[in-house]
């Protein structure tokens, strides 16, 4: 029952993603940043609903182990728990990117009820609230995990290395390209909340052209 429900949700969200992209790219109904947030939100939710935490869990459901032996009886239970975990991560992704959307899109209701001090997220760069930063940290972790699930460890490992480089750069030797460094607030802001990282040029190209 759970798997069938997830498959229906995945199909529905896939259709919504396609239709939203066609409309948003051609008619500019949303601000660029909020449109990107909605686009990535749908992709992240689909990713967590589609991919298990590890491929071997999926093999257990299909009744085989890496050695070709019959899967243990607890495999179905593990699969169920993992699917529930994936649903929770999908919900967390929805909340993180919905927050970006609400804090960016200049709808009067959003401005009056959600914008900190009546200032949009893009206009308070460098002055992010505690909630902004909390959402940013969770969002970064979710993006790294979604990437790991879908294409493996290499890309999220590289991304993590560059994040660490941004923080520890002042202590690095010359051959590791040191610089003045960024504090955690700057890293979270640049990486997730503003238009230089997750919601940056790469996502924009994917949204406007590739997809």
Protein backbone atom coordinates (compact mmCIF):
# COMPACT_ATOMS: atom_id res chain seq x y z
CA UNK A 1 0.00 0.00 0.00
CA UNK A 2 2.77 2.44 0.94
CA UNK A 3 4.76 1.75 -2.22
CA UNK A 4 1.70 2.13 -4.43
CA UNK A 5 0.88 5.47 -2.78
CA UNK A 6 4.43 6.69 -3.25
CA UNK A 7 4.38 5.70 -6.91
CA UNK A 8 1.15 7.64 -7.47
CA UNK A 9 2.64 10.68 -5.71
CA UNK A 10 5.83 10.41 -7.79
CA UNK A 11 3.82 10.26 -11.01
CA UNK A 12 1.67 13.23 -10.01
CA UNK A 13 4.66 15.33 -8.93
CA UNK A 14 6.47 14.45 -12.15
CA UNK A 15 3.55 15.84 -14.16
CA UNK A 16 3.39 18.93 -11.93
CA UNK A 17 7.14 19.50 -12.36
CA UNK A 18 6.86 19.34 -16.16
CA UNK A 19 3.85 21.63 -16.33
CA UNK A 20 5.26 24.11 -13.83
CA UNK A 21 8.54 24.36 -15.71
CA UNK A 22 6.80 24.99 -19.03
CA UNK A 23 4.59 27.71 -17.56
CA UNK A 24 7.16 29.40 -15.32
CA UNK A 25 9.89 29.56 -17.97
CA UNK A 26 7.66 30.90 -20.71
CA UNK A 27 5.42 33.30 -18.79
CA UNK A 28 7.58 34.61 -15.90
CA UNK A 29 4.75 34.31 -13.40
CA UNK A 30 7.16 34.15 -10.44
CA UNK A 31 10.31 35.88 -9.29
CA UNK A 32 13.42 34.04 -10.59
CA UNK A 33 14.55 32.95 -7.12
CA UNK A 34 11.16 31.71 -5.97
CA UNK A 35 10.61 29.89 -9.28
CA UNK A 36 13.96 28.13 -8.80
CA UNK A 37 13.04 27.25 -5.22
CA UNK A 38 9.78 25.65 -6.36
CA UNK A 39 11.53 23.81 -9.19
CA UNK A 40 14.25 22.38 -6.93
CA UNK A 41 11.71 21.59 -4.22
CA UNK A 42 9.77 19.32 -6.60
CA UNK A 43 12.99 17.65 -7.75
CA UNK A 44 14.18 17.06 -4.18
CA UNK A 45 10.86 15.58 -3.10
CA UNK A 46 10.87 13.27 -6.11
CA UNK A 47 14.44 12.23 -5.36
CA UNK A 48 13.73 11.22 -1.76
CA UNK A 49 10.56 9.38 -2.76
CA UNK A 50 12.27 7.58 -5.62
CA UNK A 51 15.70 6.59 -4.25
CA UNK A 52 16.30 4.47 -1.13
CA UNK A 53 19.07 5.24 1.35
CA UNK A 54 21.19 2.49 -0.19
CA UNK A 55 20.86 0.25 -3.25
CA UNK A 56 21.29 -2.90 -1.20
CA UNK A 57 18.02 -2.12 0.61
CA UNK A 58 16.22 -2.17 -2.72
CA UNK A 59 17.87 -5.50 -3.54
CA UNK A 60 16.54 -6.94 -0.29
CA UNK A 61 13.01 -6.08 -1.34
CA UNK A 62 13.57 -7.85 -4.65
CA UNK A 63 14.57 -10.95 -2.74
CA UNK A 64 18.31 -11.11 -3.23
CA UNK A 65 21.53 -10.11 -1.50
CA UNK A 66 24.82 -9.03 -3.01
CA UNK A 67 26.02 -12.62 -2.86
CA UNK A 68 22.93 -13.88 -4.69
CA UNK A 69 21.44 -15.53 -1.61
CA UNK A 70 17.82 -15.21 -0.58
CA UNK A 71 17.03 -11.97 1.24
CA UNK A 72 16.49 -12.22 5.02
CA UNK A 73 12.97 -11.96 6.41
CA UNK A 74 13.69 -8.61 8.05
CA UNK A 75 14.43 -7.06 4.63
CA UNK A 76 10.82 -5.97 4.10
CA UNK A 77 10.73 -4.29 7.51
CA UNK A 78 13.97 -2.47 6.79
CA UNK A 79 12.61 -1.35 3.41
CA UNK A 80 9.44 -0.02 5.05
CA UNK A 81 11.40 1.97 7.63
CA UNK A 82 13.66 3.35 4.93
CA UNK A 83 10.69 4.43 2.82
CA UNK A 84 9.16 6.23 5.80
CA UNK A 85 12.52 7.93 6.36
CA UNK A 86 12.55 8.98 2.71
CA UNK A 87 9.06 10.44 3.06
CA UNK A 88 10.23 12.45 6.09
CA UNK A 89 13.22 13.77 4.15
CA UNK A 90 10.92 14.67 1.26
CA UNK A 91 8.71 16.60 3.69
CA UNK A 92 11.76 18.38 5.14
CA UNK A 93 12.85 19.33 1.61
CA UNK A 94 9.39 20.69 0.89
CA UNK A 95 9.49 22.83 4.03
CA UNK A 96 12.99 24.19 3.38
CA UNK A 97 12.33 25.26 -0.20
CA UNK A 98 8.78 26.42 0.59
CA UNK A 99 10.41 28.71 3.16
CA UNK A 100 12.68 30.16 0.48
CA UNK A 101 9.69 30.59 -1.81
CA UNK A 102 7.58 32.36 0.80
CA UNK A 103 10.48 34.59 1.87
CA UNK A 104 11.22 35.59 -1.73
CA UNK A 105 7.95 35.86 -3.64
CA UNK A 106 6.54 39.41 -3.15
CA UNK A 107 2.95 38.41 -2.45
CA UNK A 108 1.37 40.89 -0.05
CA UNK A 109 0.31 38.19 2.41
CA UNK A 110 3.84 36.78 2.55
CA UNK A 111 5.31 40.27 3.05
CA UNK A 112 2.95 41.06 5.90
CA UNK A 113 3.16 37.74 7.75
CA UNK A 114 6.45 36.01 6.96
CA UNK A 115 9.15 38.44 5.86
CA UNK A 116 11.48 39.37 8.74
CA UNK A 117 11.04 43.09 9.28
CA UNK A 118 9.18 43.29 5.98
CA UNK A 119 12.45 42.54 4.12
CA UNK A 120 12.68 39.72 1.59
CA UNK A 121 15.33 37.04 1.95
CA UNK A 122 17.29 38.39 -1.01
CA UNK A 123 17.41 41.88 0.51
CA UNK A 124 18.63 40.76 3.92
CA UNK A 125 21.78 39.03 2.68
CA UNK A 126 24.36 39.25 5.44
CA UNK A 127 21.62 39.90 8.00
CA UNK A 128 19.89 36.52 7.94
CA UNK A 129 17.72 35.58 10.89
CA UNK A 130 18.25 32.54 13.08
CA UNK A 131 15.40 30.80 11.23
CA UNK A 132 17.02 31.61 7.89
CA UNK A 133 20.28 30.02 8.98
CA UNK A 134 18.58 26.96 10.49
CA UNK A 135 16.68 26.38 7.25
CA UNK A 136 19.92 26.88 5.32
CA UNK A 137 21.86 24.29 7.33
CA UNK A 138 19.10 21.70 7.00
CA UNK A 139 18.74 22.51 3.30
CA UNK A 140 22.44 21.99 2.61
CA UNK A 141 22.38 18.61 4.35
CA UNK A 142 19.29 17.57 2.39
CA UNK A 143 20.83 18.59 -0.95
CA UNK A 144 24.00 16.62 -0.18
CA UNK A 145 21.96 13.57 0.83
CA UNK A 146 19.72 13.76 -2.24
CA UNK A 147 22.82 13.96 -4.43
CA UNK A 148 24.37 10.96 -2.68
CA UNK A 149 21.24 8.89 -3.14
CA UNK A 150 20.85 9.72 -6.81
CA UNK A 151 24.42 9.76 -8.19
CA UNK A 152 26.72 8.50 -5.44
CA UNK A 153 29.31 9.88 -3.04
CA UNK A 154 31.72 11.74 -5.34
CA UNK A 155 29.80 14.97 -5.97
CA UNK A 156 28.59 15.49 -2.36
CA UNK A 157 32.11 14.68 -1.12
CA UNK A 158 33.56 17.33 -3.44
CA UNK A 159 30.90 19.84 -2.36
CA UNK A 160 31.64 19.14 1.31
CA UNK A 161 35.37 19.57 0.66
CA UNK A 162 34.76 22.99 -0.89
CA UNK A 163 32.53 24.04 2.02
CA UNK A 164 35.28 23.04 4.45
CA UNK A 165 37.82 24.86 2.30
CA UNK A 166 35.75 28.03 2.52
CA UNK A 167 35.86 27.87 6.33
CA UNK A 168 39.42 26.66 6.94
CA UNK A 169 41.04 28.56 4.05
CA UNK A 170 43.00 31.04 6.24
CA UNK A 171 44.88 28.15 7.89
CA UNK A 172 45.73 26.33 4.66
CA UNK A 173 49.20 26.26 3.07
CA UNK A 174 49.86 28.15 -0.16
CA UNK A 175 49.46 25.10 -2.38
CA UNK A 176 45.86 24.65 -1.18
CA UNK A 177 44.76 28.12 -2.36
CA UNK A 178 44.16 29.93 0.95
CA UNK A 179 42.00 33.03 1.18
CA UNK A 180 40.39 35.23 3.83
CA UNK A 181 37.79 32.57 4.54
CA UNK A 182 34.08 32.72 5.31
CA UNK A 183 32.29 32.33 8.61
CA UNK A 184 29.44 29.80 9.01
CA UNK A 185 26.77 32.45 8.45
CA UNK A 186 28.36 33.53 5.18
CA UNK A 187 28.78 29.92 4.04
CA UNK A 188 25.14 29.05 4.71
CA UNK A 189 23.94 32.27 3.09
CA UNK A 190 26.04 31.89 -0.04
CA UNK A 191 25.48 28.15 -0.37
CA UNK A 192 21.75 27.88 0.19
CA UNK A 193 19.89 31.10 0.96
CA UNK A 194 21.11 33.41 -1.79
CA UNK A 195 21.74 33.13 -5.52
CA UNK A 196 25.29 31.77 -5.58
CA UNK A 197 24.92 28.13 -4.55
CA UNK A 198 22.01 25.71 -4.70
CA UNK A 199 19.77 28.45 -6.11
CA UNK A 200 22.51 29.76 -8.38
CA UNK A 201 23.46 29.74 -12.07
CA UNK A 202 23.67 25.94 -12.43
CA UNK A 203 20.11 25.47 -11.20
CA UNK A 204 18.95 28.35 -13.37
CA UNK A 205 20.43 26.76 -16.50
CA UNK A 206 18.83 23.44 -15.60
CA UNK A 207 15.48 25.15 -15.04
CA UNK A 208 15.43 27.40 -18.12
CA UNK A 209 17.14 25.21 -20.72
CA UNK A 210 18.14 21.67 -19.81
CA UNK A 211 14.92 20.43 -18.23
